[in-house]
C-alpha atoms as a PDB file:
ATOM      1  CA  MET A   1      -0.008   0.009   0.004  1.00  0.00           C
ATOM      2  CA  ARG A   2       1.594   3.307  -1.113  1.00  0.00           C
ATOM      3  CA  LEU A   3       1.438   6.139   1.456  1.00  0.00           C
ATOM      4  CA  VAL A   4       0.980   9.636   0.042  1.00  0.00           C
ATOM      5  CA  PRO A   5       2.845  12.017   2.518  1.00  0.00           C
ATOM      6  CA  TRP A   6       0.993  14.911   4.029  1.00  0.00           C
ATOM      7  CA  LEU A   7       3.178  17.695   5.409  1.00  0.00           C
ATOM      8  CA  VAL A   8       0.833  20.218   6.876  1.00  0.00           C
ATOM      9  CA  SER A   9       1.164  22.883   9.582  1.00  0.00           C
ATOM     10  CA  VAL A  10      -1.706  23.392  12.089  1.00  0.00           C
ATOM     11  CA  SER A  11      -2.461  26.867  10.596  1.00  0.00           C
ATOM     12  CA  CYS A  12      -2.779  25.666   6.954  1.00  0.00           C
ATOM     13  CA  VAL A  13      -5.136  23.592   4.901  1.00  0.00           C
ATOM     14  CA  ALA A  14      -3.450  20.911   2.875  1.00  0.00           C
ATOM     15  CA  MET A  15      -4.219  20.033  -0.689  1.00  0.00           C
ATOM     16  CA  LEU A  16      -4.003  16.859  -2.691  1.00  0.00           C
ATOM     17  CA  SER A  17      -3.307  16.990  -6.404  1.00  0.00           C
ATOM     18  CA  PRO A  18      -6.049  15.405  -8.532  1.00  0.00           C
ATOM     19  CA  ALA A  19      -5.840  11.618  -8.118  1.00  0.00           C
ATOM     20  CA  SER A  20      -9.170  10.254  -9.204  1.00  0.00           C
ATOM     21  CA  SER A  21     -12.538  11.323 -10.743  1.00  0.00           C
ATOM     22  CA  VAL A  22     -14.431   8.569  -8.993  1.00  0.00           C
ATOM     23  CA  ARG A  23     -17.476   9.810  -7.213  1.00  0.00           C
ATOM     24  CA  ALA A  24     -17.478   9.766  -3.359  1.00  0.00           C
ATOM     25  CA  GLN A  25     -20.552   7.511  -3.056  1.00  0.00           C
ATOM     26  CA  GLY A  26     -19.352   4.017  -1.916  1.00  0.00           C
ATOM     27  CA  ARG A  27     -15.810   5.133  -1.384  1.00  0.00           C
ATOM     28  CA  VAL A  28     -13.565   4.804   1.593  1.00  0.00           C
ATOM     29  CA  ILE A  29     -10.714   7.301   2.504  1.00  0.00           C
ATOM     30  CA  HIS A  30      -7.953   5.584   4.418  1.00  0.00           C
ATOM     31  CA  GLY A  31      -4.477   6.023   5.785  1.00  0.00           C
ATOM     32  CA  ILE A  32      -2.521   6.665   8.929  1.00  0.00           C
ATOM     33  CA  VAL A  33      -2.286   9.694  11.349  1.00  0.00           C
ATOM     34  CA  VAL A  34       1.144  10.393  12.864  1.00  0.00           C
ATOM     35  CA  ASP A  35       2.838  13.106  14.889  1.00  0.00           C
ATOM     36  CA  SER A  36       5.811  15.290  13.641  1.00  0.00           C
ATOM     37  CA  ALA A  37       8.187  12.629  14.863  1.00  0.00           C
ATOM     38  CA  GLY A  38       6.324   9.958  12.691  1.00  0.00           C
ATOM     39  CA  ALA A  39       4.938   7.977  15.658  1.00  0.00           C
ATOM     40  CA  PRO A  40       1.318   6.878  15.240  1.00  0.00           C
ATOM     41  CA  VAL A  41      -1.370   9.086  16.926  1.00  0.00           C
ATOM     42  CA  SER A  42      -3.786   6.588  18.428  1.00  0.00           C
ATOM     43  CA  TYR A  43      -7.613   6.943  18.480  1.00  0.00           C
ATOM     44  CA  ALA A  44      -7.772  10.151  16.412  1.00  0.00           C
ATOM     45  CA  ASN A  45     -11.190  11.397  15.554  1.00  0.00           C
ATOM     46  CA  VAL A  46     -11.741  11.627  11.733  1.00  0.00           C
ATOM     47  CA  ILE A  47     -14.738  13.528  10.638  1.00  0.00           C
ATOM     48  CA  ALA A  48     -16.182  13.823   6.997  1.00  0.00           C
ATOM     49  CA  TRP A  49     -17.778  17.262   6.595  1.00  0.00           C
ATOM     50  CA  GLY A  50     -21.112  17.253   4.874  1.00  0.00           C
ATOM     51  CA  SER A  51     -22.179  13.856   5.893  1.00  0.00           C
ATOM     52  CA  GLN A  52     -20.935  14.467   9.429  1.00  0.00           C
ATOM     53  CA  ARG A  53     -19.666  10.901   9.385  1.00  0.00           C
ATOM     54  CA  ARG A  54     -17.187  10.228  12.178  1.00  0.00           C
ATOM     55  CA  ILE A  55     -14.870   7.337  13.069  1.00  0.00           C
ATOM     56  CA  VAL A  56     -12.036   6.795  15.563  1.00  0.00           C
ATOM     57  CA  GLY A  57      -8.757   5.494  14.260  1.00  0.00           C
ATOM     58  CA  GLY A  58      -6.972   2.584  15.751  1.00  0.00           C
ATOM     59  CA  ALA A  59      -4.386   2.394  18.333  1.00  0.00           C
ATOM     60  CA  ASP A  60      -1.753   2.128  15.433  1.00  0.00           C
ATOM     61  CA  GLY A  61      -2.967   5.399  13.966  1.00  0.00           C
ATOM     62  CA  GLN A  62      -4.712   3.599  10.957  1.00  0.00           C
ATOM     63  CA  PHE A  63      -8.059   4.745   9.903  1.00  0.00           C
ATOM     64  CA  ARG A  64     -10.804   3.925   7.311  1.00  0.00           C
ATOM     65  CA  LEU A  65     -13.531   6.477   6.763  1.00  0.00           C
ATOM     66  CA  PRO A  66     -16.631   5.308   4.591  1.00  0.00           C
ATOM     67  CA  LEU A  67     -17.976   8.186   2.528  1.00  0.00           C
ATOM     68  CA  ASP A  68     -21.330   8.926   1.005  1.00  0.00           C
ATOM     69  CA  SER A  69     -22.555  11.190  -1.827  1.00  0.00           C
ATOM     70  CA  SER A  70     -23.227  13.998   0.635  1.00  0.00           C
ATOM     71  CA  ALA A  71     -19.677  14.261   2.014  1.00  0.00           C
ATOM     72  CA  LYS A  72     -17.596  17.320   1.085  1.00  0.00           C
ATOM     73  CA  ARG A  73     -13.888  16.929   0.267  1.00  0.00           C
ATOM     74  CA  GLU A  74     -12.993  18.088   3.669  1.00  0.00           C
ATOM     75  CA  VAL A  75     -11.784  15.768   6.359  1.00  0.00           C
ATOM     76  CA  GLU A  76     -11.115  16.934   9.961  1.00  0.00           C
ATOM     77  CA  PHE A  77      -8.797  15.187  12.352  1.00  0.00           C
ATOM     78  CA  ARG A  78      -8.988  15.796  16.212  1.00  0.00           C
ATOM     79  CA  ARG A  79      -7.069  14.368  19.017  1.00  0.00           C
ATOM     80  CA  ILE A  80      -6.525  15.703  22.623  1.00  0.00           C
ATOM     81  CA  GLY A  81      -3.013  16.975  22.866  1.00  0.00           C
ATOM     82  CA  TYR A  82      -2.918  17.916  19.194  1.00  0.00           C
ATOM     83  CA  HIS A  83      -3.971  20.770  17.183  1.00  0.00           C
ATOM     84  CA  PRO A  84      -7.201  20.117  15.088  1.00  0.00           C
ATOM     85  CA  LEU A  85      -6.446  19.623  11.451  1.00  0.00           C
ATOM     86  CA  THR A  86      -8.613  20.019   8.298  1.00  0.00           C
ATOM     87  CA  ILE A  87      -7.541  18.766   5.060  1.00  0.00           C
ATOM     88  CA  THR A  88      -9.230  19.633   1.749  1.00  0.00           C
ATOM     89  CA  LEU A  89      -8.971  17.211  -1.155  1.00  0.00           C
ATOM     90  CA  ASP A  90      -8.990  18.100  -4.833  1.00  0.00           C
ATOM     91  CA  SER A  91     -10.409  14.574  -5.487  1.00  0.00           C
ATOM     92  CA  TRP A  92     -10.927  11.426  -3.547  1.00  0.00           C
ATOM     93  CA  PRO A  93      -7.635   9.534  -3.275  1.00  0.00           C
ATOM     94  CA  ASP A  94      -7.318   5.974  -4.439  1.00  0.00           C
ATOM     95  CA  SER A  95      -4.219   5.266  -2.277  1.00  0.00           C
ATOM     96  CA  ALA A  96      -3.667   5.599   1.503  1.00  0.00           C
ATOM     97  CA  ILE A  97      -2.872   9.083   2.855  1.00  0.00           C
ATOM     98  CA  ARG A  98      -0.465  10.081   5.671  1.00  0.00           C
ATOM     99  CA  VAL A  99      -1.745  12.856   7.962  1.00  0.00           C
ATOM    100  CA  VAL A 100       0.738  14.607  10.371  1.00  0.00           C
ATOM    101  CA  MET A 101      -0.701  16.282  13.258  1.00  0.00           C
ATOM    102  CA  SER A 102       1.208  18.842  15.440  1.00  0.00           C
ATOM    103  CA  ALA A 103       1.309  18.477  19.151  1.00  0.00           C
ATOM    104  CA  ALA A 104      -0.377  21.347  21.142  1.00  0.00           C
ATOM    105  CA  THR A 105       1.748  23.366  23.581  1.00  0.00           C
ATOM    106  CA  ARG A 106       0.757  22.165  26.972  1.00  0.00           C
ATOM    107  CA  THR A 107       2.311  21.534  30.304  1.00  0.00           C
ATOM    108  CA  LEU A 108       3.567  17.964  31.083  1.00  0.00           C
ATOM    109  CA  ALA A 109       0.793  17.365  33.579  1.00  0.00           C
ATOM    110  CA  ALA A 110      -2.059  18.149  31.016  1.00  0.00           C
ATOM    111  CA  VAL A 111      -0.461  15.839  28.389  1.00  0.00           C
ATOM    112  CA  THR A 112      -0.045  13.008  30.895  1.00  0.00           C
ATOM    113  CA  VAL A 113      -3.792  13.277  31.687  1.00  0.00           C
ATOM    114  CA  ALA A 114      -4.778  13.000  28.080  1.00  0.00           C
ATOM    115  CA  VAL A 115      -2.711   9.911  27.601  1.00  0.00           C
ATOM    116  CA  GLU A 116      -4.160   8.223  30.706  1.00  0.00           C
ATOM    117  CA  ARG A 117      -7.655   8.912  29.559  1.00  0.00           C
ATOM    118  CA  SER A 118      -7.071   7.272  26.255  1.00  0.00           C
ATOM    119  CA  GLN A 119      -5.381   4.147  27.845  1.00  0.00           C
ATOM    120  CA  SER A 120      -8.232   3.920  30.309  1.00  0.00           C
ATOM    121  CA  LEU A 121     -10.829   3.895  27.614  1.00  0.00           C
ATOM    122  CA  ALA A 122      -8.882   1.444  25.612  1.00  0.00           C
ATOM    123  CA  ILE A 123      -8.559  -1.069  28.519  1.00  0.00           C
ATOM    124  CA  ARG A 124     -12.275  -0.772  29.186  1.00  0.00           C
ATOM    125  CA  GLY A 125     -13.124  -1.708  25.536  1.00  0.00           C
ATOM    126  CA  PHE A 126     -14.521   1.756  24.535  1.00  0.00           C
ATOM    127  CA  TYR A 127     -12.758   1.953  21.307  1.00  0.00           C
ATOM    128  CA  GLU A 128     -13.163  -1.566  20.422  1.00  0.00           C
ATOM    129  CA  ARG A 129     -17.034  -1.329  20.824  1.00  0.00           C
ATOM    130  CA  MET A 130     -16.948   2.018  18.942  1.00  0.00           C
ATOM    131  CA  SER A 131     -15.329   0.059  16.023  1.00  0.00           C
ATOM    132  CA  ASP A 132     -17.869  -2.652  16.395  1.00  0.00           C
ATOM    133  CA  VAL A 133     -20.650   0.045  15.677  1.00  0.00           C
ATOM    134  CA  GLU A 134     -18.811   0.970  12.445  1.00  0.00           C
ATOM    135  CA  ARG A 135     -18.993  -2.694  11.435  1.00  0.00           C
ATOM    136  CA  GLY A 136     -22.697  -2.963  12.352  1.00  0.00           C
ATOM    137  CA  ILE A 137     -22.093  -5.421  15.155  1.00  0.00           C
ATOM    138  CA  ASN A 138     -23.840  -3.164  17.749  1.00  0.00           C
ATOM    139  CA  HIS A 139     -26.042  -0.053  17.629  1.00  0.00           C
ATOM    140  CA  GLY A 140     -24.895   2.599  20.051  1.00  0.00           C
ATOM    141  CA  PHE A 141     -23.350   6.117  19.831  1.00  0.00           C
ATOM    142  CA  PHE A 142     -20.236   7.337  21.500  1.00  0.00           C
ATOM    143  CA  ILE A 143     -19.110  10.607  22.964  1.00  0.00           C
ATOM    144  CA  THR A 144     -15.362  10.819  22.795  1.00  0.00           C
ATOM    145  CA  PRO A 145     -12.891  12.560  24.971  1.00  0.00           C
ATOM    146  CA  GLU A 146     -12.343  15.176  22.253  1.00  0.00           C
ATOM    147  CA  GLU A 147     -16.019  16.120  22.247  1.00  0.00           C
ATOM    148  CA  ILE A 148     -16.023  16.186  26.083  1.00  0.00           C
ATOM    149  CA  ASP A 149     -12.874  18.284  26.132  1.00  0.00           C
ATOM    150  CA  ALA A 150     -14.516  20.766  23.619  1.00  0.00           C
ATOM    151  CA  ARG A 151     -17.399  21.423  25.997  1.00  0.00           C
ATOM    152  CA  LYS A 152     -15.912  22.377  29.253  1.00  0.00           C
ATOM    153  CA  GLY A 153     -18.235  23.223  32.045  1.00  0.00           C
ATOM    154  CA  ALA A 154     -21.127  21.132  30.657  1.00  0.00           C
ATOM    155  CA  ARG A 155     -23.195  18.734  32.877  1.00  0.00           C
ATOM    156  CA  MET A 156     -23.041  15.120  32.096  1.00  0.00           C
ATOM    157  CA  THR A 157     -26.550  15.172  30.835  1.00  0.00           C
ATOM    158  CA  ASP A 158     -25.821  18.002  28.463  1.00  0.00           C
ATOM    159  CA  PHE A 159     -23.809  15.557  26.225  1.00  0.00           C
ATOM    160  CA  LEU A 160     -27.107  13.558  25.845  1.00  0.00           C
ATOM    161  CA  GLN A 161     -29.378  16.404  24.711  1.00  0.00           C
ATOM    162  CA  GLY A 162     -30.545  16.056  21.114  1.00  0.00           C
ATOM    163  CA  ARG A 163     -29.163  12.537  20.705  1.00  0.00           C
ATOM    164  CA  PRO A 164     -31.138   9.736  18.903  1.00  0.00           C
ATOM    165  CA  ALA A 165     -33.717   7.920  20.883  1.00  0.00           C
ATOM    166  CA  VAL A 166     -32.742   9.872  24.124  1.00  0.00           C
ATOM    167  CA  ARG A 167     -34.296  12.769  25.940  1.00  0.00           C
ATOM    168  CA  VAL A 168     -33.193  14.487  29.034  1.00  0.00           C
ATOM    169  CA  LYS A 169     -36.065  15.344  31.419  1.00  0.00           C
ATOM    170  CA  MET A 170     -36.103  17.625  34.464  1.00  0.00           C
ATOM    171  CA  VAL A 171     -37.334  15.631  37.539  1.00  0.00           C
ATOM    172  CA  LYS A 172     -38.556  17.127  40.867  1.00  0.00           C
ATOM    173  CA  VAL A 173     -37.976  15.131  44.020  1.00  0.00           C
ATOM    174  CA  GLY A 174     -39.659  16.091  47.295  1.00  0.00           C
ATOM    175  CA  GLY A 175     -38.572  15.177  50.746  1.00  0.00           C
ATOM    176  CA  PRO A 176     -40.876  13.908  53.419  1.00  0.00           C
ATOM    177  CA  PHE A 177     -44.355  15.642  53.245  1.00  0.00           C
ATOM    178  CA  GLY A 178     -43.059  17.604  50.119  1.00  0.00           C
ATOM    179  CA  ARG A 179     -40.455  19.523  52.067  1.00  0.00           C
ATOM    180  CA  ASN A 180     -36.939  20.459  50.673  1.00  0.00           C
ATOM    181  CA  PRO A 181     -37.816  19.573  46.970  1.00  0.00           C
ATOM    182  CA  ARG A 182     -34.921  18.969  44.612  1.00  0.00           C
ATOM    183  CA  THR A 183     -34.826  19.088  40.924  1.00  0.00           C
ATOM    184  CA  GLY A 184     -32.343  17.476  38.446  1.00  0.00           C
ATOM    185  CA  TRP A 185     -31.959  16.201  34.873  1.00  0.00           C
ATOM    186  CA  GLU A 186     -32.292  12.562  34.043  1.00  0.00           C
ATOM    187  CA  PRO A 187     -31.935  10.584  30.667  1.00  0.00           C
ATOM    188  CA  GLN A 188     -34.851   8.682  29.470  1.00  0.00           C
ATOM    189  CA  GLY A 189     -35.922   6.736  26.415  1.00  0.00           C
ATOM    190  CA  ILE A 190     -38.284   8.464  23.991  1.00  0.00           C
ATOM    191  CA  ASP A 191     -41.407   6.594  25.629  1.00  0.00           C
ATOM    192  CA  GLY A 192     -40.434   8.078  28.838  1.00  0.00           C
ATOM    193  CA  CYS A 193     -38.659   4.955  30.299  1.00  0.00           C
ATOM    194  CA  GLN A 194     -35.871   5.061  32.689  1.00  0.00           C
ATOM    195  CA  MET A 195     -32.491   4.318  31.107  1.00  0.00           C
ATOM    196  CA  THR A 196     -30.200   2.097  32.983  1.00  0.00           C
ATOM    197  CA  ILE A 197     -26.872   3.913  33.935  1.00  0.00           C
ATOM    198  CA  TYR A 198     -23.458   2.408  34.609  1.00  0.00           C
ATOM    199  CA  VAL A 199     -20.518   4.360  36.004  1.00  0.00           C
ATOM    200  CA  ASP A 200     -17.198   2.676  35.401  1.00  0.00           C
ATOM    201  CA  GLY A 201     -19.125  -0.591  35.037  1.00  0.00           C
ATOM    202  CA  VAL A 202     -21.146  -0.459  38.084  1.00  0.00           C
ATOM    203  CA  ARG A 203     -24.897   0.020  37.993  1.00  0.00           C
ATOM    204  CA  PHE A 204     -25.936   3.436  39.198  1.00  0.00           C
ATOM    205  CA  ASN A 205     -29.739   3.259  39.228  1.00  0.00           C
ATOM    206  CA  SER A 206     -31.466   2.547  42.520  1.00  0.00           C
ATOM    207  CA  LEU A 207     -34.478   0.274  42.569  1.00  0.00           C
ATOM    208  CA  SER A 208     -36.840   3.109  42.772  1.00  0.00           C
ATOM    209  CA  GLN A 209     -35.350   4.667  39.667  1.00  0.00           C
ATOM    210  CA  LEU A 210     -35.545   1.384  37.800  1.00  0.00           C
ATOM    211  CA  LYS A 211     -39.366   1.342  38.756  1.00  0.00           C
ATOM    212  CA  ASN A 212     -39.700   4.934  37.344  1.00  0.00           C
ATOM    213  CA  THR A 213     -40.453   6.414  40.754  1.00  0.00           C
ATOM    214  CA  VAL A 214     -38.494   8.873  42.841  1.00  0.00           C
ATOM    215  CA  ASP A 215     -38.072   9.289  46.627  1.00  0.00           C
ATOM    216  CA  GLN A 216     -36.272  11.754  49.071  1.00  0.00           C
ATOM    217  CA  ASN A 217     -33.081   9.469  48.703  1.00  0.00           C
ATOM    218  CA  HIS A 218     -33.063   9.877  44.841  1.00  0.00           C
ATOM    219  CA  ILE A 219     -29.606  10.761  43.554  1.00  0.00           C
ATOM    220  CA  PHE A 220     -29.242  12.508  40.182  1.00  0.00           C
ATOM    221  CA  ILE A 221     -26.373  11.469  37.948  1.00  0.00           C
ATOM    222  CA  ASN A 222     -25.019  14.998  37.670  1.00  0.00           C
ATOM    223  CA  ASP A 223     -24.619  15.122  41.450  1.00  0.00           C
ATOM    224  CA  LEU A 224     -22.564  11.971  41.196  1.00  0.00           C
ATOM    225  CA  VAL A 225     -20.438  12.499  38.147  1.00  0.00           C
ATOM    226  CA  SER A 226     -19.011  15.863  37.098  1.00  0.00           C
ATOM    227  CA  ALA A 227     -18.334  16.601  33.467  1.00  0.00           C
ATOM    228  CA  ASN A 228     -14.566  17.181  34.037  1.00  0.00           C
ATOM    229  CA  SER A 229     -14.278  13.727  35.504  1.00  0.00           C
ATOM    230  CA  ILE A 230     -15.680  11.941  32.362  1.00  0.00           C
ATOM    231  CA  ALA A 231     -13.417  10.212  29.968  1.00  0.00           C
ATOM    232  CA  GLY A 232     -16.039   8.844  27.561  1.00  0.00           C
ATOM    233  CA  ILE A 233     -19.716   8.036  27.182  1.00  0.00           C
ATOM    234  CA  GLU A 234     -21.558   5.261  25.442  1.00  0.00           C
ATOM    235  CA  VAL A 235     -25.316   5.223  24.800  1.00  0.00           C
ATOM    236  CA  TYR A 236     -27.373   2.281  23.504  1.00  0.00           C
ATOM    237  CA  PRO A 237     -30.972   3.439  22.786  1.00  0.00           C
ATOM    238  CA  ARG A 238     -32.330  -0.019  23.473  1.00  0.00           C
ATOM    239  CA  SER A 239     -31.164  -2.540  26.054  1.00  0.00           C
ATOM    240  CA  VAL A 240     -30.770  -5.411  23.586  1.00  0.00           C
ATOM    241  CA  THR A 241     -28.307  -3.393  21.587  1.00  0.00           C
ATOM    242  CA  ALA A 242     -25.931  -2.896  24.518  1.00  0.00           C
ATOM    243  CA  PRO A 243     -23.105  -5.328  25.200  1.00  0.00           C
ATOM    244  CA  PRO A 244     -24.369  -8.388  26.981  1.00  0.00           C
ATOM    245  CA  LYS A 245     -22.932  -7.568  30.380  1.00  0.00           C
ATOM    246  CA  TYR A 246     -24.565  -4.217  30.410  1.00  0.00           C
ATOM    247  CA  GLN A 247     -28.041  -5.229  29.154  1.00  0.00           C
ATOM    248  CA  SER A 248     -30.572  -3.796  31.632  1.00  0.00           C
ATOM    249  CA  LEU A 249     -33.289  -5.674  33.453  1.00  0.00           C
ATOM    250  CA  ASN A 250     -36.083  -3.214  32.721  1.00  0.00           C
ATOM    251  CA  GLY A 251     -37.183  -4.356  29.383  1.00  0.00           C
ATOM    252  CA  THR A 252     -36.267  -2.423  26.161  1.00  0.00           C
ATOM    253  CA  CYS A 253     -35.172   0.905  27.528  1.00  0.00           C
ATOM    254  CA  GLY A 254     -31.689   2.068  26.758  1.00  0.00           C
ATOM    255  CA  VAL A 255     -28.341   1.830  28.556  1.00  0.00           C
ATOM    256  CA  VAL A 256     -25.827   4.618  29.262  1.00  0.00           C
ATOM    257  CA  LEU A 257     -22.200   3.707  30.153  1.00  0.00           C
ATOM    258  CA  ILE A 258     -20.101   6.462  31.713  1.00  0.00           C
ATOM    259  CA  TRP A 259     -16.399   5.965  32.049  1.00  0.00           C
ATOM    260  CA  THR A 260     -14.449   8.319  34.342  1.00  0.00           C
ATOM    261  CA  ARG A 261     -10.698   9.123  34.252  1.00  0.00           C
END
């Protein structure tokens, strides 16, 4: 497989010379993402503009991004610890491409945190399950560290707003005799069912929550998990589409997996 080198700076848009007149529909753009030293950049987010199709590359920096007829010839690469990079193609390449990302200027501590977060998600199978979705093995959607990092200050439930088959509802909880009421946001299925939530592989929902009821001891997920502690999120709109070990006991309602740093 021939690699076409891409030498691009963070402030510039790279251009490929015409290589093919084949239409984008049914095509795949593939290649490898490396840093300025030539080392692979693992788990880079690769986004095709227009179709908004996104995949995450492998631990070895390799990526394969399926395209459709709505995709523009602009592909964006994002990874925590590196400057975002957008490349514009004159035509869809037939051979693999080599994308060079420049490391962002950060303190050593910040870089270490980013690496630990990626390693933690890899060990927990996050990226493997994300790859399974691309292959049609399961049917969930994933919120990556890059997306979480771009929305600093958000609540955990903010990442679920507007997602397929999920709605975030404000719930009011009253203490004994209605005293000291509290309110909080909770993820629900489209039909109002209570989604099962796991935090680092441990079921979060109390028995009352699984029965779609609330009491004075009710705990909201935003009270337990702060946005800046989240490494990644997986959402499966129906229980049967979740990995077997995380399938819920409350029928067909969905499952949310939250992974912390």
